Amino acid sequence: MQDLIIYNENQVIIQANSRTYQETKENFLADYEEKVNYQTIDYNRTTQTCWLNGEAFQAYPNTVCEDILNSIDTLLEKQAKREYIVPTIDELKAIKLSEVDAWTERKITGGFISECTGEIVRYDSDKDTQLTVSSDLNTINSALDKFSEHYPEGYPMRGYPEGRLDKSVYYLSVEQLIKWNVDLGLHRGKCKQQGWEKQAEIKAAKSKEELDIIYIE
């Protein structure tokens, strides 16, 4: 089990020391008794990644996130003290479906592989990048003769070469940029399809035990 935090308006999931705490945001804040100055957190000790307020690659480790993970026992104790009402299967499914939505979004925006330059490179796929490139492509396609004027070296795109942790800048031709966008679209479609498959499994589940064995990374 990975040590991680998923924190947003819909839910809070904390995994640490092979234990899991899952609650609403309101109940978590009551249990934690400390102010959390983030709207969303996606933090993972195992992969050493830190996303805060939707911004990737924040400084790791993060003091607040580490304190939350180290508070897992206290959080579980306080959770247990509250009156427990066994959730219905529909409520459990709703929770699991929201986890799938968050998981799918993370996969879509967490980067993708393209060989548009002939090299294996991992590019960013956050929403800002998707919108920027989509807008630029529309402009380029409407005035192809202007491409070389505005991008004499090619369209600049940063990415991680295979086996590297630092970004390099690639200058893409129109054809390479189109291939990059096609690869992004295929990546997005694959992630959505995987999410739909998880959703179908959840909707078909007949018990909590069946829901529990549906694995979400």
C-alpha atoms as a PDB file:
ATOM      1  CA  MET A   1       0.000   0.000   0.000  1.00  0.00           C
ATOM      2  CA  GLN A   2       1.319   3.407  -0.959  1.00  0.00           C
ATOM      3  CA  ASP A   3       1.564   6.261   1.549  1.00  0.00           C
ATOM      4  CA  LEU A   4      -0.527   9.025   0.015  1.00  0.00           C
ATOM      5  CA  ILE A   5      -2.996  11.862   0.485  1.00  0.00           C
ATOM      6  CA  ILE A   6      -5.926  12.709  -1.781  1.00  0.00           C
ATOM      7  CA  TYR A   7      -7.652  15.853  -0.534  1.00  0.00           C
ATOM      8  CA  ASN A   8     -10.373  17.805  -2.327  1.00  0.00           C
ATOM      9  CA  GLU A   9     -13.903  19.123  -1.845  1.00  0.00           C
ATOM     10  CA  ASN A  10     -15.428  15.677  -2.336  1.00  0.00           C
ATOM     11  CA  GLN A  11     -13.272  13.502  -0.120  1.00  0.00           C
ATOM     12  CA  VAL A  12     -10.099  12.986   1.880  1.00  0.00           C
ATOM     13  CA  ILE A  13      -8.140   9.739   1.591  1.00  0.00           C
ATOM     14  CA  ILE A  14      -5.007   9.215   3.675  1.00  0.00           C
ATOM     15  CA  GLN A  15      -2.934   6.040   3.496  1.00  0.00           C
ATOM     16  CA  ALA A  16       0.033   5.546   5.814  1.00  0.00           C
ATOM     17  CA  ASN A  17       1.600   2.674   7.761  1.00  0.00           C
ATOM     18  CA  SER A  18      -0.647   0.236   5.855  1.00  0.00           C
ATOM     19  CA  ARG A  19      -3.737   1.977   7.267  1.00  0.00           C
ATOM     20  CA  THR A  20      -6.387   3.986   5.422  1.00  0.00           C
ATOM     21  CA  TYR A  21      -8.426   6.957   6.617  1.00  0.00           C
ATOM     22  CA  GLN A  22     -11.253   8.081   4.346  1.00  0.00           C
ATOM     23  CA  GLU A  23     -13.613  10.899   5.209  1.00  0.00           C
ATOM     24  CA  THR A  24     -15.413  13.983   4.026  1.00  0.00           C
ATOM     25  CA  LYS A  25     -13.349  17.162   4.003  1.00  0.00           C
ATOM     26  CA  GLU A  26     -15.401  18.585   6.876  1.00  0.00           C
ATOM     27  CA  ASN A  27     -14.914  15.537   9.111  1.00  0.00           C
ATOM     28  CA  PHE A  28     -11.211  15.384   8.311  1.00  0.00           C
ATOM     29  CA  LEU A  29     -10.655  19.012   9.282  1.00  0.00           C
ATOM     30  CA  ALA A  30     -12.524  18.361  12.542  1.00  0.00           C
ATOM     31  CA  ASP A  31     -10.386  15.281  13.241  1.00  0.00           C
ATOM     32  CA  TYR A  32      -7.092  16.889  12.231  1.00  0.00           C
ATOM     33  CA  GLU A  33      -7.768  20.080  14.216  1.00  0.00           C
ATOM     34  CA  GLU A  34      -5.214  22.031  12.194  1.00  0.00           C
ATOM     35  CA  LYS A  35      -5.803  24.479   9.360  1.00  0.00           C
ATOM     36  CA  VAL A  36      -5.001  23.213   5.865  1.00  0.00           C
ATOM     37  CA  ASN A  37      -4.303  26.077   3.481  1.00  0.00           C
ATOM     38  CA  TYR A  38      -4.753  24.064   0.301  1.00  0.00           C
ATOM     39  CA  GLN A  39      -7.858  23.451  -1.775  1.00  0.00           C
ATOM     40  CA  THR A  40      -6.550  20.187  -3.200  1.00  0.00           C
ATOM     41  CA  ILE A  41      -3.668  17.856  -2.340  1.00  0.00           C
ATOM     42  CA  ASP A  42      -2.353  14.880  -4.279  1.00  0.00           C
ATOM     43  CA  TYR A  43       0.694  13.701  -2.335  1.00  0.00           C
ATOM     44  CA  ASN A  44       2.531  10.404  -2.619  1.00  0.00           C
ATOM     45  CA  ARG A  45       5.487   9.312  -0.501  1.00  0.00           C
ATOM     46  CA  THR A  46       6.094   6.242  -2.621  1.00  0.00           C
ATOM     47  CA  THR A  47       6.612   8.190  -5.854  1.00  0.00           C
ATOM     48  CA  GLN A  48       7.785  11.344  -4.028  1.00  0.00           C
ATOM     49  CA  THR A  49       5.320  13.548  -5.885  1.00  0.00           C
ATOM     50  CA  CYS A  50       3.480  16.571  -4.562  1.00  0.00           C
ATOM     51  CA  TRP A  51       0.559  18.299  -6.307  1.00  0.00           C
ATOM     52  CA  LEU A  52      -0.963  21.261  -4.470  1.00  0.00           C
ATOM     53  CA  ASN A  53      -4.015  23.177  -5.729  1.00  0.00           C
ATOM     54  CA  GLY A  54      -3.690  21.344  -9.057  1.00  0.00           C
ATOM     55  CA  GLU A  55      -0.064  22.422  -9.563  1.00  0.00           C
ATOM     56  CA  ALA A  56       2.306  19.548 -10.247  1.00  0.00           C
ATOM     57  CA  PHE A  57       5.886  19.008  -9.102  1.00  0.00           C
ATOM     58  CA  GLN A  58       5.741  21.061  -5.898  1.00  0.00           C
ATOM     59  CA  ALA A  59       8.611  20.870  -3.417  1.00  0.00           C
ATOM     60  CA  TYR A  60       8.944  17.442  -1.798  1.00  0.00           C
ATOM     61  CA  PRO A  61       8.679  16.610   1.057  1.00  0.00           C
ATOM     62  CA  ASN A  62       5.925  18.980   2.163  1.00  0.00           C
ATOM     63  CA  THR A  63       5.734  19.718   5.913  1.00  0.00           C
ATOM     64  CA  VAL A  64       1.925  19.857   6.102  1.00  0.00           C
ATOM     65  CA  CYS A  65       1.470  16.665   4.084  1.00  0.00           C
ATOM     66  CA  GLU A  66       4.033  14.772   6.135  1.00  0.00           C
ATOM     67  CA  ASP A  67       2.311  15.867   9.349  1.00  0.00           C
ATOM     68  CA  ILE A  68      -1.042  14.664   8.013  1.00  0.00           C
ATOM     69  CA  LEU A  69       0.433  11.274   7.110  1.00  0.00           C
ATOM     70  CA  ASN A  70       2.111  11.015  10.508  1.00  0.00           C
ATOM     71  CA  SER A  71      -1.272  11.733  12.153  1.00  0.00           C
ATOM     72  CA  ILE A  72      -2.955   8.641  10.679  1.00  0.00           C
ATOM     73  CA  ASP A  73      -3.401   6.895  14.052  1.00  0.00           C
ATOM     74  CA  THR A  74      -4.926   9.962  15.700  1.00  0.00           C
ATOM     75  CA  LEU A  75      -7.229  10.537  12.736  1.00  0.00           C
ATOM     76  CA  LEU A  76      -8.478   6.957  12.839  1.00  0.00           C
ATOM     77  CA  GLU A  77      -9.054   7.135  16.601  1.00  0.00           C
ATOM     78  CA  LYS A  78     -11.116  10.305  16.277  1.00  0.00           C
ATOM     79  CA  GLN A  79     -13.024   8.874  13.359  1.00  0.00           C
ATOM     80  CA  ALA A  80     -13.911   5.789  15.391  1.00  0.00           C
ATOM     81  CA  LYS A  81     -15.297   7.924  18.225  1.00  0.00           C
ATOM     82  CA  ARG A  82     -17.963   9.433  16.024  1.00  0.00           C
ATOM     83  CA  GLU A  83     -21.247   7.602  15.713  1.00  0.00           C
ATOM     84  CA  TYR A  84     -20.857   5.189  12.856  1.00  0.00           C
ATOM     85  CA  ILE A  85     -23.698   4.574  10.438  1.00  0.00           C
ATOM     86  CA  VAL A  86     -23.119   1.719   8.029  1.00  0.00           C
ATOM     87  CA  PRO A  87     -23.257   3.232   4.539  1.00  0.00           C
ATOM     88  CA  THR A  88     -25.541   1.718   1.955  1.00  0.00           C
ATOM     89  CA  ILE A  89     -24.122   0.002  -1.105  1.00  0.00           C
ATOM     90  CA  ASP A  90     -25.199   2.984  -3.202  1.00  0.00           C
ATOM     91  CA  GLU A  91     -23.294   5.357  -0.905  1.00  0.00           C
ATOM     92  CA  LEU A  92     -20.216   3.161  -1.105  1.00  0.00           C
ATOM     93  CA  LYS A  93     -20.486   3.082  -4.881  1.00  0.00           C
ATOM     94  CA  ALA A  94     -20.740   6.880  -4.997  1.00  0.00           C
ATOM     95  CA  ILE A  95     -17.527   7.179  -2.971  1.00  0.00           C
ATOM     96  CA  LYS A  96     -15.734   4.680  -5.193  1.00  0.00           C
ATOM     97  CA  LEU A  97     -16.965   6.404  -8.360  1.00  0.00           C
ATOM     98  CA  SER A  98     -15.598   9.736  -7.128  1.00  0.00           C
ATOM     99  CA  GLU A  99     -12.247   8.017  -6.550  1.00  0.00           C
ATOM    100  CA  VAL A 100     -12.329   6.794 -10.148  1.00  0.00           C
ATOM    101  CA  ASP A 101     -13.089  10.301 -11.420  1.00  0.00           C
ATOM    102  CA  ALA A 102     -10.082  11.693  -9.533  1.00  0.00           C
ATOM    103  CA  TRP A 103      -7.886   8.783 -10.653  1.00  0.00           C
ATOM    104  CA  THR A 104      -8.858   9.258 -14.302  1.00  0.00           C
ATOM    105  CA  GLU A 105      -8.182  12.992 -14.155  1.00  0.00           C
ATOM    106  CA  ARG A 106      -4.750  12.393 -12.598  1.00  0.00           C
ATOM    107  CA  LYS A 107      -3.860   9.913 -15.322  1.00  0.00           C
ATOM    108  CA  ILE A 108      -4.967  12.301 -18.077  1.00  0.00           C
ATOM    109  CA  THR A 109      -3.078  15.299 -16.709  1.00  0.00           C
ATOM    110  CA  GLY A 110      -0.087  13.373 -15.365  1.00  0.00           C
ATOM    111  CA  GLY A 111       1.902  13.317 -18.608  1.00  0.00           C
ATOM    112  CA  PHE A 112       2.047  11.167 -21.724  1.00  0.00           C
ATOM    113  CA  ILE A 113       4.550   9.598 -24.089  1.00  0.00           C
ATOM    114  CA  SER A 114       5.026  10.788 -27.659  1.00  0.00           C
ATOM    115  CA  GLU A 115       7.621   9.823 -30.255  1.00  0.00           C
ATOM    116  CA  CYS A 116       6.702  12.738 -32.531  1.00  0.00           C
ATOM    117  CA  THR A 117      10.393  13.724 -32.798  1.00  0.00           C
ATOM    118  CA  GLY A 118      11.600  10.156 -33.248  1.00  0.00           C
ATOM    119  CA  GLU A 119      12.624  10.008 -29.583  1.00  0.00           C
ATOM    120  CA  ILE A 120      10.688   8.605 -26.635  1.00  0.00           C
ATOM    121  CA  VAL A 121       9.751  11.688 -24.618  1.00  0.00           C
ATOM    122  CA  ARG A 122       7.318  12.221 -21.751  1.00  0.00           C
ATOM    123  CA  TYR A 123       5.443  15.505 -22.158  1.00  0.00           C
ATOM    124  CA  ASP A 124       3.199  17.393 -19.732  1.00  0.00           C
ATOM    125  CA  SER A 125      -0.555  17.002 -20.229  1.00  0.00           C
ATOM    126  CA  ASP A 126      -1.978  19.343 -17.609  1.00  0.00           C
ATOM    127  CA  LYS A 127      -5.062  21.328 -18.590  1.00  0.00           C
ATOM    128  CA  ASP A 128      -3.140  24.539 -19.312  1.00  0.00           C
ATOM    129  CA  THR A 129      -0.838  22.716 -21.721  1.00  0.00           C
ATOM    130  CA  GLN A 130      -3.770  21.027 -23.455  1.00  0.00           C
ATOM    131  CA  LEU A 131      -5.667  24.299 -23.899  1.00  0.00           C
ATOM    132  CA  THR A 132      -2.599  26.259 -25.024  1.00  0.00           C
ATOM    133  CA  VAL A 133      -1.512  23.768 -27.662  1.00  0.00           C
ATOM    134  CA  SER A 134      -5.082  23.263 -28.899  1.00  0.00           C
ATOM    135  CA  SER A 135      -5.510  27.020 -29.325  1.00  0.00           C
ATOM    136  CA  ASP A 136      -2.116  27.408 -31.013  1.00  0.00           C
ATOM    137  CA  LEU A 137      -2.846  24.526 -33.388  1.00  0.00           C
ATOM    138  CA  ASN A 138      -6.095  26.140 -34.478  1.00  0.00           C
ATOM    139  CA  THR A 139      -4.224  29.358 -35.191  1.00  0.00           C
ATOM    140  CA  ILE A 140      -1.419  27.555 -37.023  1.00  0.00           C
ATOM    141  CA  ASN A 141      -3.824  25.542 -39.175  1.00  0.00           C
ATOM    142  CA  SER A 142      -5.644  28.708 -40.199  1.00  0.00           C
ATOM    143  CA  ALA A 143      -2.413  30.389 -41.306  1.00  0.00           C
ATOM    144  CA  LEU A 144       0.195  27.748 -42.114  1.00  0.00           C
ATOM    145  CA  ASP A 145       2.255  30.265 -44.068  1.00  0.00           C
ATOM    146  CA  LYS A 146       2.879  32.170 -40.836  1.00  0.00           C
ATOM    147  CA  PHE A 147       4.341  29.185 -38.961  1.00  0.00           C
ATOM    148  CA  SER A 148       7.941  29.631 -40.118  1.00  0.00           C
ATOM    149  CA  GLU A 149       7.691  33.365 -39.503  1.00  0.00           C
ATOM    150  CA  HIS A 150       6.628  32.998 -35.879  1.00  0.00           C
ATOM    151  CA  TYR A 151       8.446  29.741 -35.150  1.00  0.00           C
ATOM    152  CA  PRO A 152      11.601  29.797 -37.321  1.00  0.00           C
ATOM    153  CA  GLU A 153      13.190  26.991 -35.267  1.00  0.00           C
ATOM    154  CA  GLY A 154       9.924  25.112 -34.786  1.00  0.00           C
ATOM    155  CA  TYR A 155       7.211  25.139 -32.116  1.00  0.00           C
ATOM    156  CA  PRO A 156       8.906  24.944 -28.682  1.00  0.00           C
ATOM    157  CA  MET A 157       7.828  22.070 -26.464  1.00  0.00           C
ATOM    158  CA  ARG A 158       9.440  20.868 -23.254  1.00  0.00           C
ATOM    159  CA  GLY A 159       9.565  17.217 -22.255  1.00  0.00           C
ATOM    160  CA  TYR A 160      11.473  14.586 -20.330  1.00  0.00           C
ATOM    161  CA  PRO A 161      13.709  12.394 -22.526  1.00  0.00           C
ATOM    162  CA  GLU A 162      13.544   8.691 -21.717  1.00  0.00           C
ATOM    163  CA  GLY A 163      15.512   7.931 -18.569  1.00  0.00           C
ATOM    164  CA  ARG A 164      15.967  11.599 -17.628  1.00  0.00           C
ATOM    165  CA  LEU A 165      14.478  13.653 -14.772  1.00  0.00           C
ATOM    166  CA  ASP A 166      15.234  17.056 -16.313  1.00  0.00           C
ATOM    167  CA  LYS A 167      13.335  18.633 -19.186  1.00  0.00           C
ATOM    168  CA  SER A 168      14.708  19.353 -22.638  1.00  0.00           C
ATOM    169  CA  VAL A 169      13.291  21.753 -25.208  1.00  0.00           C
ATOM    170  CA  TYR A 170      12.173  20.316 -28.550  1.00  0.00           C
ATOM    171  CA  TYR A 171      11.320  22.440 -31.588  1.00  0.00           C
ATOM    172  CA  LEU A 172       8.499  20.740 -33.462  1.00  0.00           C
ATOM    173  CA  SER A 173       7.584  21.081 -37.092  1.00  0.00           C
ATOM    174  CA  VAL A 174       3.907  21.408 -38.003  1.00  0.00           C
ATOM    175  CA  GLU A 175       3.773  17.676 -38.739  1.00  0.00           C
ATOM    176  CA  GLN A 176       5.452  16.823 -35.445  1.00  0.00           C
ATOM    177  CA  LEU A 177       3.124  19.122 -33.527  1.00  0.00           C
ATOM    178  CA  ILE A 178       0.089  17.458 -35.111  1.00  0.00           C
ATOM    179  CA  LYS A 179       1.524  14.032 -34.198  1.00  0.00           C
ATOM    180  CA  TRP A 180       2.099  15.307 -30.629  1.00  0.00           C
ATOM    181  CA  ASN A 181      -1.555  16.367 -30.433  1.00  0.00           C
ATOM    182  CA  VAL A 182      -2.749  13.032 -31.842  1.00  0.00           C
ATOM    183  CA  ASP A 183      -0.688  11.172 -29.216  1.00  0.00           C
ATOM    184  CA  LEU A 184      -2.176  13.374 -26.502  1.00  0.00           C
ATOM    185  CA  GLY A 185      -5.680  12.617 -27.763  1.00  0.00           C
ATOM    186  CA  LEU A 186      -4.969   8.882 -27.789  1.00  0.00           C
ATOM    187  CA  HIS A 187      -3.562   9.109 -24.267  1.00  0.00           C
ATOM    188  CA  ARG A 188      -6.632  10.997 -23.074  1.00  0.00           C
ATOM    189  CA  GLY A 189      -8.961   8.494 -24.721  1.00  0.00           C
ATOM    190  CA  LYS A 190      -7.133   5.530 -23.214  1.00  0.00           C
ATOM    191  CA  CYS A 191      -7.322   7.036 -19.724  1.00  0.00           C
ATOM    192  CA  LYS A 192     -11.044   7.711 -20.106  1.00  0.00           C
ATOM    193  CA  GLN A 193     -11.657   4.175 -21.331  1.00  0.00           C
ATOM    194  CA  GLN A 194      -9.815   2.759 -18.322  1.00  0.00           C
ATOM    195  CA  GLY A 195     -11.967   4.976 -16.093  1.00  0.00           C
ATOM    196  CA  TRP A 196     -15.159   3.783 -17.796  1.00  0.00           C
ATOM    197  CA  GLU A 197     -14.102   0.180 -17.233  1.00  0.00           C
ATOM    198  CA  LYS A 198     -13.623   0.875 -13.514  1.00  0.00           C
ATOM    199  CA  GLN A 199     -16.998   2.612 -13.376  1.00  0.00           C
ATOM    200  CA  ALA A 200     -18.682  -0.393 -14.961  1.00  0.00           C
ATOM    201  CA  GLU A 201     -17.079  -2.716 -12.396  1.00  0.00           C
ATOM    202  CA  ILE A 202     -18.285  -0.508  -9.553  1.00  0.00           C
ATOM    203  CA  LYS A 203     -21.840  -0.262 -10.872  1.00  0.00           C
ATOM    204  CA  ALA A 204     -21.971  -4.053 -11.284  1.00  0.00           C
ATOM    205  CA  ALA A 205     -20.752  -4.756  -7.725  1.00  0.00           C
ATOM    206  CA  LYS A 206     -23.330  -6.323  -5.428  1.00  0.00           C
ATOM    207  CA  SER A 207     -21.564  -5.918  -2.065  1.00  0.00           C
ATOM    208  CA  LYS A 208     -18.938  -3.942  -0.158  1.00  0.00           C
ATOM    209  CA  GLU A 209     -16.577  -6.907  -0.518  1.00  0.00           C
ATOM    210  CA  GLU A 210     -16.895  -6.767  -4.311  1.00  0.00           C
ATOM    211  CA  LEU A 211     -16.262  -3.017  -4.231  1.00  0.00           C
ATOM    212  CA  ASP A 212     -13.194  -3.420  -2.031  1.00  0.00           C
ATOM    213  CA  ILE A 213     -11.422  -5.686  -4.512  1.00  0.00           C
ATOM    214  CA  ILE A 214     -11.755  -3.137  -7.328  1.00  0.00           C
ATOM    215  CA  TYR A 215      -8.230  -1.730  -7.381  1.00  0.00           C
ATOM    216  CA  ILE A 216      -7.633   1.948  -8.000  1.00  0.00           C
ATOM    217  CA  GLU A 217      -3.985   3.050  -8.158  1.00  0.00           C
END
